[in-house]
C-alpha atoms as a PDB file:
ATOM      1  CA  MET A   1       0.000   0.000   0.000  1.00  0.00           C
ATOM      2  CA  ILE A   2       2.786   2.418   0.824  1.00  0.00           C
ATOM      3  CA  PHE A   3       4.167   2.017  -2.684  1.00  0.00           C
ATOM      4  CA  ARG A   4       0.802   2.923  -4.255  1.00  0.00           C
ATOM      5  CA  ARG A   5       0.562   6.045  -2.107  1.00  0.00           C
ATOM      6  CA  LEU A   6       4.135   6.953  -3.042  1.00  0.00           C
ATOM      7  CA  ALA A   7       3.374   6.545  -6.761  1.00  0.00           C
ATOM      8  CA  GLN A   8       0.230   8.663  -6.449  1.00  0.00           C
ATOM      9  CA  ASN A   9       2.122  11.404  -4.602  1.00  0.00           C
ATOM     10  CA  LEU A  10       4.778  11.367  -7.283  1.00  0.00           C
ATOM     11  CA  ARG A  11       2.149  11.890  -9.975  1.00  0.00           C
ATOM     12  CA  GLU A  12       0.652  14.734  -7.945  1.00  0.00           C
ATOM     13  CA  GLN A  13       4.163  16.050  -7.091  1.00  0.00           C
ATOM     14  CA  ASN A  14       3.223  16.184  -3.403  1.00  0.00           C
ATOM     15  CA  TRP A  15       6.814  16.441  -2.192  1.00  0.00           C
ATOM     16  CA  THR A  16       5.930  16.704   1.501  1.00  0.00           C
ATOM     17  CA  ALA A  17       3.936  13.515   1.404  1.00  0.00           C
ATOM     18  CA  ILE A  18       6.618  11.876  -0.721  1.00  0.00           C
ATOM     19  CA  THR A  19       9.270  12.741   1.861  1.00  0.00           C
ATOM     20  CA  ILE A  20       7.156  11.407   4.718  1.00  0.00           C
ATOM     21  CA  GLU A  21       6.351   8.192   2.864  1.00  0.00           C
ATOM     22  CA  PHE A  22      10.017   7.692   1.968  1.00  0.00           C
ATOM     23  CA  VAL A  23      11.147   8.225   5.546  1.00  0.00           C
ATOM     24  CA  LEU A  24       8.528   5.782   6.792  1.00  0.00           C
ATOM     25  CA  LEU A  25       9.697   3.246   4.216  1.00  0.00           C
ATOM     26  CA  VAL A  26      13.344   3.600   5.211  1.00  0.00           C
ATOM     27  CA  VAL A  27      12.523   3.437   8.932  1.00  0.00           C
ATOM     28  CA  GLY A  28      10.370   0.357   8.372  1.00  0.00           C
ATOM     29  CA  VAL A  29      13.102  -1.429   6.441  1.00  0.00           C
ATOM     30  CA  PHE A  30      15.682  -0.425   9.048  1.00  0.00           C
ATOM     31  CA  LEU A  31      13.523  -1.641  11.938  1.00  0.00           C
ATOM     32  CA  GLY A  32      12.806  -4.889  10.115  1.00  0.00           C
ATOM     33  CA  ILE A  33      16.513  -5.500   9.603  1.00  0.00           C
ATOM     34  CA  GLN A  34      17.248  -4.661  13.247  1.00  0.00           C
ATOM     35  CA  VAL A  35      14.557  -7.028  14.509  1.00  0.00           C
ATOM     36  CA  ALA A  36      15.894  -9.804  12.271  1.00  0.00           C
ATOM     37  CA  ASN A  37      19.440  -9.142  13.472  1.00  0.00           C
ATOM     38  CA  TRP A  38      18.292  -9.105  17.094  1.00  0.00           C
ATOM     39  CA  ASN A  39      16.515 -12.440  16.632  1.00  0.00           C
ATOM     40  CA  ASP A  40      19.607 -13.909  14.976  1.00  0.00           C
ATOM     41  CA  GLU A  41      21.841 -12.657  17.793  1.00  0.00           C
ATOM     42  CA  ARG A  42      19.451 -14.017  20.409  1.00  0.00           C
ATOM     43  CA  ARG A  43      19.457 -17.452  18.765  1.00  0.00           C
ATOM     44  CA  GLU A  44      23.233 -17.290  18.444  1.00  0.00           C
ATOM     45  CA  ARG A  45      23.647 -16.407  22.134  1.00  0.00           C
ATOM     46  CA  ALA A  46      21.294 -19.207  23.152  1.00  0.00           C
ATOM     47  CA  GLN A  47      23.188 -21.721  21.023  1.00  0.00           C
ATOM     48  CA  ALA A  48      26.526 -20.483  22.356  1.00  0.00           C
ATOM     49  CA  GLU A  49      25.324 -20.837  25.951  1.00  0.00           C
ATOM     50  CA  LEU A  50      24.081 -24.365  25.264  1.00  0.00           C
ATOM     51  CA  TRP A  51      27.424 -25.302  23.699  1.00  0.00           C
ATOM     52  CA  ARG A  52      29.305 -23.737  26.598  1.00  0.00           C
ATOM     53  CA  LYS A  53      27.331 -25.738  29.162  1.00  0.00           C
ATOM     54  CA  GLN A  54      27.827 -28.946  27.190  1.00  0.00           C
ATOM     55  CA  ILE A  55      31.586 -28.393  26.993  1.00  0.00           C
ATOM     56  CA  ILE A  56      31.762 -27.653  30.722  1.00  0.00           C
ATOM     57  CA  ALA A  57      29.814 -30.865  31.404  1.00  0.00           C
ATOM     58  CA  ASP A  58      32.281 -32.789  29.217  1.00  0.00           C
ATOM     59  CA  LEU A  59      35.203 -31.285  31.123  1.00  0.00           C
ATOM     60  CA  ALA A  60      33.662 -32.203  34.473  1.00  0.00           C
ATOM     61  CA  GLN A  61      33.150 -35.765  33.231  1.00  0.00           C
ATOM     62  CA  ASN A  62      36.740 -35.867  31.999  1.00  0.00           C
ATOM     63  CA  LEU A  63      37.920 -34.918  35.481  1.00  0.00           C
ATOM     64  CA  ARG A  64      35.851 -37.660  37.127  1.00  0.00           C
ATOM     65  CA  ASP A  65      37.083 -40.261  34.662  1.00  0.00           C
ATOM     66  CA  LEU A  66      40.709 -39.230  34.950  1.00  0.00           C
ATOM     67  CA  GLU A  67      40.486 -39.317  38.737  1.00  0.00           C
ATOM     68  CA  GLY A  68      39.056 -42.849  38.567  1.00  0.00           C
ATOM     69  CA  ARG A  69      41.767 -44.034  36.179  1.00  0.00           C
ATOM     70  CA  GLN A  70      44.475 -42.432  38.288  1.00  0.00           C
ATOM     71  CA  ASP A  71      43.238 -44.210  41.416  1.00  0.00           C
ATOM     72  CA  TYR A  72      42.995 -47.481  39.493  1.00  0.00           C
ATOM     73  CA  ASN A  73      46.573 -47.231  38.242  1.00  0.00           C
ATOM     74  CA  ARG A  74      47.799 -46.306  41.707  1.00  0.00           C
ATOM     75  CA  GLN A  75      46.189 -49.473  43.012  1.00  0.00           C
ATOM     76  CA  ALA A  76      47.784 -51.561  40.248  1.00  0.00           C
ATOM     77  CA  LEU A  77      51.121 -49.933  41.041  1.00  0.00           C
ATOM     78  CA  ALA A  78      50.825 -50.746  44.756  1.00  0.00           C
ATOM     79  CA  PHE A  79      49.948 -54.367  44.032  1.00  0.00           C
ATOM     80  CA  GLY A  80      52.848 -54.665  41.602  1.00  0.00           C
ATOM     81  CA  GLU A  81      55.366 -53.134  44.004  1.00  0.00           C
ATOM     82  CA  THR A  82      54.363 -55.608  46.703  1.00  0.00           C
ATOM     83  CA  ALA A  83      54.745 -58.499  44.272  1.00  0.00           C
ATOM     84  CA  LEU A  84      58.096 -57.398  42.821  1.00  0.00           C
ATOM     85  CA  ALA A  85      59.668 -56.835  46.226  1.00  0.00           C
ATOM     86  CA  ALA A  86      58.776 -60.375  47.302  1.00  0.00           C
ATOM     87  CA  LEU A  87      59.765 -61.959  43.995  1.00  0.00           C
ATOM     88  CA  GLU A  88      63.216 -60.401  44.198  1.00  0.00           C
ATOM     89  CA  ALA A  89      63.703 -60.962  47.948  1.00  0.00           C
ATOM     90  CA  PRO A  90      66.335 -63.501  49.071  1.00  0.00           C
ATOM     91  CA  GLU A  91      63.771 -65.416  51.104  1.00  0.00           C
ATOM     92  CA  PRO A  92      60.310 -66.359  49.778  1.00  0.00           C
ATOM     93  CA  PRO A  93      57.203 -65.073  51.538  1.00  0.00           C
ATOM     94  CA  THR A  94      55.138 -67.366  53.706  1.00  0.00           C
ATOM     95  CA  GLY A  95      51.589 -67.594  55.054  1.00  0.00           C
ATOM     96  CA  ASP A  96      49.119 -64.951  53.878  1.00  0.00           C
ATOM     97  CA  ALA A  97      51.918 -63.108  52.080  1.00  0.00           C
ATOM     98  CA  VAL A  98      51.989 -65.847  49.417  1.00  0.00           C
ATOM     99  CA  TRP A  99      48.557 -64.774  48.193  1.00  0.00           C
ATOM    100  CA  ASP A 100      49.541 -61.112  48.377  1.00  0.00           C
ATOM    101  CA  VAL A 101      52.423 -61.755  45.992  1.00  0.00           C
ATOM    102  CA  VAL A 102      50.521 -63.968  43.548  1.00  0.00           C
ATOM    103  CA  LEU A 103      47.513 -61.631  43.496  1.00  0.00           C
ATOM    104  CA  GLY A 104      49.732 -58.562  43.293  1.00  0.00           C
ATOM    105  CA  ALA A 105      51.584 -59.970  40.294  1.00  0.00           C
ATOM    106  CA  PHE A 106      48.283 -60.472  38.497  1.00  0.00           C
ATOM    107  CA  GLN A 107      46.695 -57.163  39.510  1.00  0.00           C
ATOM    108  CA  ALA A 108      49.692 -55.227  38.209  1.00  0.00           C
ATOM    109  CA  GLY A 109      48.685 -56.336  34.725  1.00  0.00           C
ATOM    110  CA  GLN A 110      45.137 -55.028  35.010  1.00  0.00           C
ATOM    111  CA  ILE A 111      44.235 -52.098  32.783  1.00  0.00           C
ATOM    112  CA  TRP A 112      41.282 -49.754  32.460  1.00  0.00           C
ATOM    113  CA  PRO A 113      41.510 -48.212  28.982  1.00  0.00           C
ATOM    114  CA  TYR A 114      40.592 -44.565  28.680  1.00  0.00           C
ATOM    115  CA  ARG A 115      40.658 -42.023  25.899  1.00  0.00           C
ATOM    116  CA  LEU A 116      40.134 -38.332  26.555  1.00  0.00           C
ATOM    117  CA  THR A 117      37.205 -37.229  24.412  1.00  0.00           C
ATOM    118  CA  GLY A 118      35.331 -33.990  23.873  1.00  0.00           C
ATOM    119  CA  PRO A 119      32.189 -34.662  21.816  1.00  0.00           C
ATOM    120  CA  SER A 120      30.696 -31.241  22.511  1.00  0.00           C
ATOM    121  CA  TYR A 121      33.961 -29.493  21.635  1.00  0.00           C
ATOM    122  CA  ARG A 122      34.104 -31.383  18.338  1.00  0.00           C
ATOM    123  CA  GLU A 123      30.486 -30.459  17.593  1.00  0.00           C
ATOM    124  CA  VAL A 124      31.190 -26.769  18.144  1.00  0.00           C
ATOM    125  CA  GLN A 125      34.439 -26.984  16.199  1.00  0.00           C
ATOM    126  CA  ASN A 126      32.715 -28.584  13.207  1.00  0.00           C
ATOM    127  CA  ALA A 127      29.961 -25.963  13.339  1.00  0.00           C
ATOM    128  CA  GLY A 128      32.531 -23.154  13.315  1.00  0.00           C
ATOM    129  CA  GLY A 129      31.237 -21.791  16.609  1.00  0.00           C
ATOM    130  CA  LEU A 130      34.344 -21.817  18.812  1.00  0.00           C
ATOM    131  CA  ALA A 131      34.487 -18.022  18.855  1.00  0.00           C
ATOM    132  CA  LEU A 132      31.055 -17.955  20.506  1.00  0.00           C
ATOM    133  CA  ILE A 133      31.718 -20.194  23.521  1.00  0.00           C
ATOM    134  CA  GLY A 134      34.503 -18.435  25.392  1.00  0.00           C
ATOM    135  CA  SER A 135      37.548 -16.206  25.411  1.00  0.00           C
ATOM    136  CA  GLU A 136      40.545 -16.695  23.158  1.00  0.00           C
ATOM    137  CA  LEU A 137      42.347 -18.231  26.141  1.00  0.00           C
ATOM    138  CA  ALA A 138      39.539 -20.761  26.627  1.00  0.00           C
ATOM    139  CA  GLN A 139      39.578 -21.642  22.932  1.00  0.00           C
ATOM    140  CA  ALA A 140      43.350 -22.091  22.937  1.00  0.00           C
ATOM    141  CA  ARG A 141      43.276 -24.293  26.039  1.00  0.00           C
ATOM    142  CA  LEU A 142      40.439 -26.412  24.662  1.00  0.00           C
ATOM    143  CA  ALA A 143      42.332 -26.966  21.418  1.00  0.00           C
ATOM    144  CA  TYR A 144      45.503 -27.894  23.275  1.00  0.00           C
ATOM    145  CA  LEU A 145      43.629 -30.235  25.596  1.00  0.00           C
ATOM    146  CA  TYR A 146      41.765 -32.219  22.958  1.00  0.00           C
ATOM    147  CA  ASP A 147      44.200 -31.980  20.026  1.00  0.00           C
ATOM    148  CA  VAL A 148      47.582 -32.231  21.781  1.00  0.00           C
ATOM    149  CA  SER A 149      47.237 -33.454  25.361  1.00  0.00           C
ATOM    150  CA  ALA A 150      44.798 -36.231  24.469  1.00  0.00           C
ATOM    151  CA  HIS A 151      47.247 -37.617  21.902  1.00  0.00           C
ATOM    152  CA  ASP A 152      50.197 -37.376  24.297  1.00  0.00           C
ATOM    153  CA  PHE A 153      48.189 -39.082  27.038  1.00  0.00           C
ATOM    154  CA  GLU A 154      47.407 -42.048  24.780  1.00  0.00           C
ATOM    155  CA  LEU A 155      51.088 -42.446  23.939  1.00  0.00           C
ATOM    156  CA  ILE A 156      52.146 -42.343  27.582  1.00  0.00           C
ATOM    157  CA  SER A 157      49.400 -44.730  28.680  1.00  0.00           C
ATOM    158  CA  GLY A 158      51.031 -47.295  26.448  1.00  0.00           C
ATOM    159  CA  GLY A 159      48.038 -49.357  25.361  1.00  0.00           C
ATOM    160  CA  LEU A 160      48.278 -53.076  26.146  1.00  0.00           C
ATOM    161  CA  PRO A 161      51.474 -53.677  28.155  1.00  0.00           C
ATOM    162  CA  LYS A 162      53.661 -56.691  27.423  1.00  0.00           C
ATOM    163  CA  TYR A 163      53.417 -57.696  31.064  1.00  0.00           C
ATOM    164  CA  ARG A 164      49.647 -58.104  30.866  1.00  0.00           C
ATOM    165  CA  ALA A 165      49.873 -60.920  28.331  1.00  0.00           C
ATOM    166  CA  LEU A 166      52.912 -62.454  30.010  1.00  0.00           C
ATOM    167  CA  ILE A 167      51.404 -62.803  33.495  1.00  0.00           C
ATOM    168  CA  ARG A 168      48.248 -64.328  32.044  1.00  0.00           C
ATOM    169  CA  GLU A 169      50.333 -66.903  30.244  1.00  0.00           C
ATOM    170  CA  ARG A 170      52.266 -67.782  33.393  1.00  0.00           C
ATOM    171  CA  MET A 171      49.496 -67.669  36.008  1.00  0.00           C
ATOM    172  CA  PRO A 172      47.664 -71.014  36.539  1.00  0.00           C
ATOM    173  CA  TRP A 173      44.146 -70.824  35.187  1.00  0.00           C
ATOM    174  CA  PRO A 174      42.405 -71.899  38.429  1.00  0.00           C
ATOM    175  CA  ILE A 175      43.970 -68.892  40.172  1.00  0.00           C
ATOM    176  CA  GLN A 176      42.959 -66.531  37.367  1.00  0.00           C
ATOM    177  CA  ASN A 177      39.452 -67.933  37.448  1.00  0.00           C
ATOM    178  CA  HIS A 178      39.310 -67.399  41.195  1.00  0.00           C
ATOM    179  CA  ILE A 179      40.415 -63.779  40.795  1.00  0.00           C
ATOM    180  CA  TRP A 180      37.661 -63.099  38.264  1.00  0.00           C
ATOM    181  CA  ASP A 181      35.007 -64.838  40.352  1.00  0.00           C
ATOM    182  CA  SER A 182      35.980 -63.242  43.674  1.00  0.00           C
ATOM    183  CA  ASP A 183      35.507 -59.567  42.820  1.00  0.00           C
ATOM    184  CA  CYS A 184      39.188 -58.748  43.003  1.00  0.00           C
ATOM    185  CA  GLN A 185      38.277 -55.934  40.616  1.00  0.00           C
ATOM    186  CA  ALA A 186      35.222 -54.459  42.294  1.00  0.00           C
ATOM    187  CA  SER A 187      32.861 -51.691  41.264  1.00  0.00           C
ATOM    188  CA  ASN A 188      32.943 -48.725  43.593  1.00  0.00           C
ATOM    189  CA  GLY A 189      29.468 -47.618  42.511  1.00  0.00           C
ATOM    190  CA  ARG A 190      30.583 -44.297  41.084  1.00  0.00           C
ATOM    191  CA  GLN A 191      29.339 -43.625  37.579  1.00  0.00           C
ATOM    192  CA  GLY A 192      32.019 -43.499  34.937  1.00  0.00           C
ATOM    193  CA  LEU A 193      32.292 -42.084  31.435  1.00  0.00           C
ATOM    194  CA  ARG A 194      29.073 -43.565  30.074  1.00  0.00           C
ATOM    195  CA  GLN A 195      25.714 -43.953  31.762  1.00  0.00           C
ATOM    196  CA  ASN A 196      25.565 -47.110  33.894  1.00  0.00           C
ATOM    197  CA  ASP A 197      29.321 -47.590  33.481  1.00  0.00           C
ATOM    198  CA  ASP A 198      30.632 -47.865  37.043  1.00  0.00           C
ATOM    199  CA  GLU A 199      34.219 -47.190  37.978  1.00  0.00           C
ATOM    200  CA  PHE A 200      36.328 -49.990  39.381  1.00  0.00           C
ATOM    201  CA  GLN A 201      39.004 -50.518  41.986  1.00  0.00           C
ATOM    202  CA  LEU A 202      41.511 -53.284  42.574  1.00  0.00           C
ATOM    203  CA  VAL A 203      41.104 -54.931  45.976  1.00  0.00           C
ATOM    204  CA  ARG A 204      42.620 -57.761  48.010  1.00  0.00           C
ATOM    205  CA  CYS A 205      40.011 -60.485  47.700  1.00  0.00           C
ATOM    206  CA  VAL A 206      39.891 -63.796  49.540  1.00  0.00           C
ATOM    207  CA  PRO A 207      42.571 -66.348  48.557  1.00  0.00           C
ATOM    208  CA  PRO A 208      41.723 -69.651  46.896  1.00  0.00           C
ATOM    209  CA  GLN A 209      41.529 -72.811  48.971  1.00  0.00           C
ATOM    210  CA  ASP A 210      44.296 -74.631  47.111  1.00  0.00           C
ATOM    211  CA  GLN A 211      47.381 -73.516  49.036  1.00  0.00           C
ATOM    212  CA  ALA A 212      49.608 -75.957  47.176  1.00  0.00           C
ATOM    213  CA  LEU A 213      48.676 -74.364  43.862  1.00  0.00           C
ATOM    214  CA  LEU A 214      49.391 -70.910  45.289  1.00  0.00           C
ATOM    215  CA  GLN A 215      52.820 -72.024  46.480  1.00  0.00           C
ATOM    216  CA  GLN A 216      53.542 -73.554  43.106  1.00  0.00           C
ATOM    217  CA  ALA A 217      52.583 -70.324  41.352  1.00  0.00           C
ATOM    218  CA  LEU A 218      54.802 -68.314  43.695  1.00  0.00           C
ATOM    219  CA  ASP A 219      57.799 -70.579  43.137  1.00  0.00           C
ATOM    220  CA  ARG A 220      57.427 -70.314  39.382  1.00  0.00           C
ATOM    221  CA  LEU A 221      57.146 -66.530  39.472  1.00  0.00           C
ATOM    222  CA  ARG A 222      60.235 -66.223  41.676  1.00  0.00           C
ATOM    223  CA  ALA A 223      62.181 -68.334  39.208  1.00  0.00           C
ATOM    224  CA  ASP A 224      60.877 -66.507  36.119  1.00  0.00           C
ATOM    225  CA  VAL A 225      63.343 -63.742  35.257  1.00  0.00           C
ATOM    226  CA  GLU A 226      61.320 -62.664  32.234  1.00  0.00           C
ATOM    227  CA  VAL A 227      58.227 -62.021  34.346  1.00  0.00           C
ATOM    228  CA  GLN A 228      60.218 -60.006  36.855  1.00  0.00           C
ATOM    229  CA  GLN A 229      61.813 -57.899  34.120  1.00  0.00           C
ATOM    230  CA  ALA A 230      58.421 -57.250  32.512  1.00  0.00           C
ATOM    231  CA  LEU A 231      56.949 -56.367  35.913  1.00  0.00           C
ATOM    232  CA  ARG A 232      59.616 -53.736  36.465  1.00  0.00           C
ATOM    233  CA  GLY A 233      58.747 -52.236  33.110  1.00  0.00           C
ATOM    234  CA  ARG A 234      55.065 -52.303  33.978  1.00  0.00           C
ATOM    235  CA  LEU A 235      55.668 -50.513  37.280  1.00  0.00           C
ATOM    236  CA  SER A 236      57.610 -47.806  35.455  1.00  0.00           C
ATOM    237  CA  GLN A 237      54.748 -47.421  32.992  1.00  0.00           C
ATOM    238  CA  LEU A 238      52.189 -47.184  35.789  1.00  0.00           C
ATOM    239  CA  LYS A 239      54.273 -44.615  37.656  1.00  0.00           C
ATOM    240  CA  VAL A 240      54.514 -42.403  34.582  1.00  0.00           C
ATOM    241  CA  SER A 241      50.820 -42.879  33.808  1.00  0.00           C
ATOM    242  CA  VAL A 242      49.772 -41.779  37.303  1.00  0.00           C
ATOM    243  CA  ALA A 243      51.894 -38.626  37.028  1.00  0.00           C
ATOM    244  CA  SER A 244      50.716 -37.919  33.473  1.00  0.00           C
ATOM    245  CA  THR A 245      47.080 -38.301  34.507  1.00  0.00           C
ATOM    246  CA  GLY A 246      47.614 -35.773  37.282  1.00  0.00           C
ATOM    247  CA  ARG A 247      49.042 -33.242  34.827  1.00  0.00           C
ATOM    248  CA  LEU A 248      46.172 -33.827  32.425  1.00  0.00           C
ATOM    249  CA  MET A 249      43.668 -33.269  35.234  1.00  0.00           C
ATOM    250  CA  GLU A 250      45.351 -29.923  35.940  1.00  0.00           C
ATOM    251  CA  ARG A 251      44.926 -28.947  32.287  1.00  0.00           C
ATOM    252  CA  VAL A 252      41.259 -29.910  32.285  1.00  0.00           C
ATOM    253  CA  GLN A 253      40.707 -27.869  35.457  1.00  0.00           C
ATOM    254  CA  ALA A 254      42.518 -24.907  33.902  1.00  0.00           C
ATOM    255  CA  VAL A 255      40.208 -25.015  30.889  1.00  0.00           C
ATOM    256  CA  LYS A 256      37.141 -25.164  33.174  1.00  0.00           C
ATOM    257  CA  GLU A 257      38.328 -22.072  35.021  1.00  0.00           C
ATOM    258  CA  THR A 258      38.392 -20.088  31.760  1.00  0.00           C
ATOM    259  CA  MET A 259      34.753 -20.996  31.048  1.00  0.00           C
ATOM    260  CA  PRO A 260      32.788 -19.935  34.170  1.00  0.00           C
END
């Protein structure tokens, strides 16, 4: 309608009306553009806030998972140190200590694989929205965490250690079966990375009834130089992994602090 009035005013050369109509047209277009921009900005802010919360939730979950894996590796390290000390001692252990050594040798080979992931970060990165979710410092720390630290952590963790396969080859099957059936790796009830995925801890479970078999296993382990060498390597790997996990947790916490 405004265009018809403008055309009529032009024919009548009503310059006052033409000016008013033109101003109204320009103001209307300007306001329409502003409203559209405001709606776009509002949607963008809402999406950015959703992404930010999702990334923070991922970081919090990373911290919980890393803490669980660190505790698990500390437990494996403690078991392994007990076993190695007795295997290398001049005199063999006796009594309840026999089970501590045999169990410790096996528990040192236990692993709980973990890979640092950031699904929300990857989603935002693929959508080109990293500039919306935090400061330049936060963006830089997120990139370093998921693109550099995650890769370094996987290398240090070492994957499947040689010792794991070796101790399973050497350990009598009835003892291994007892370990699996006796909750020597018990759930602590704390939820892990995925829903309904509990975290685990290594514990001293009850020994098997067959003391002769335990003594036989101990004697073989004390005489097996290859197992002892591999166990030393495993303990070194666990020690480094525990320290590396602690440093990675510090990096995750630092990223969280830049995204309040």
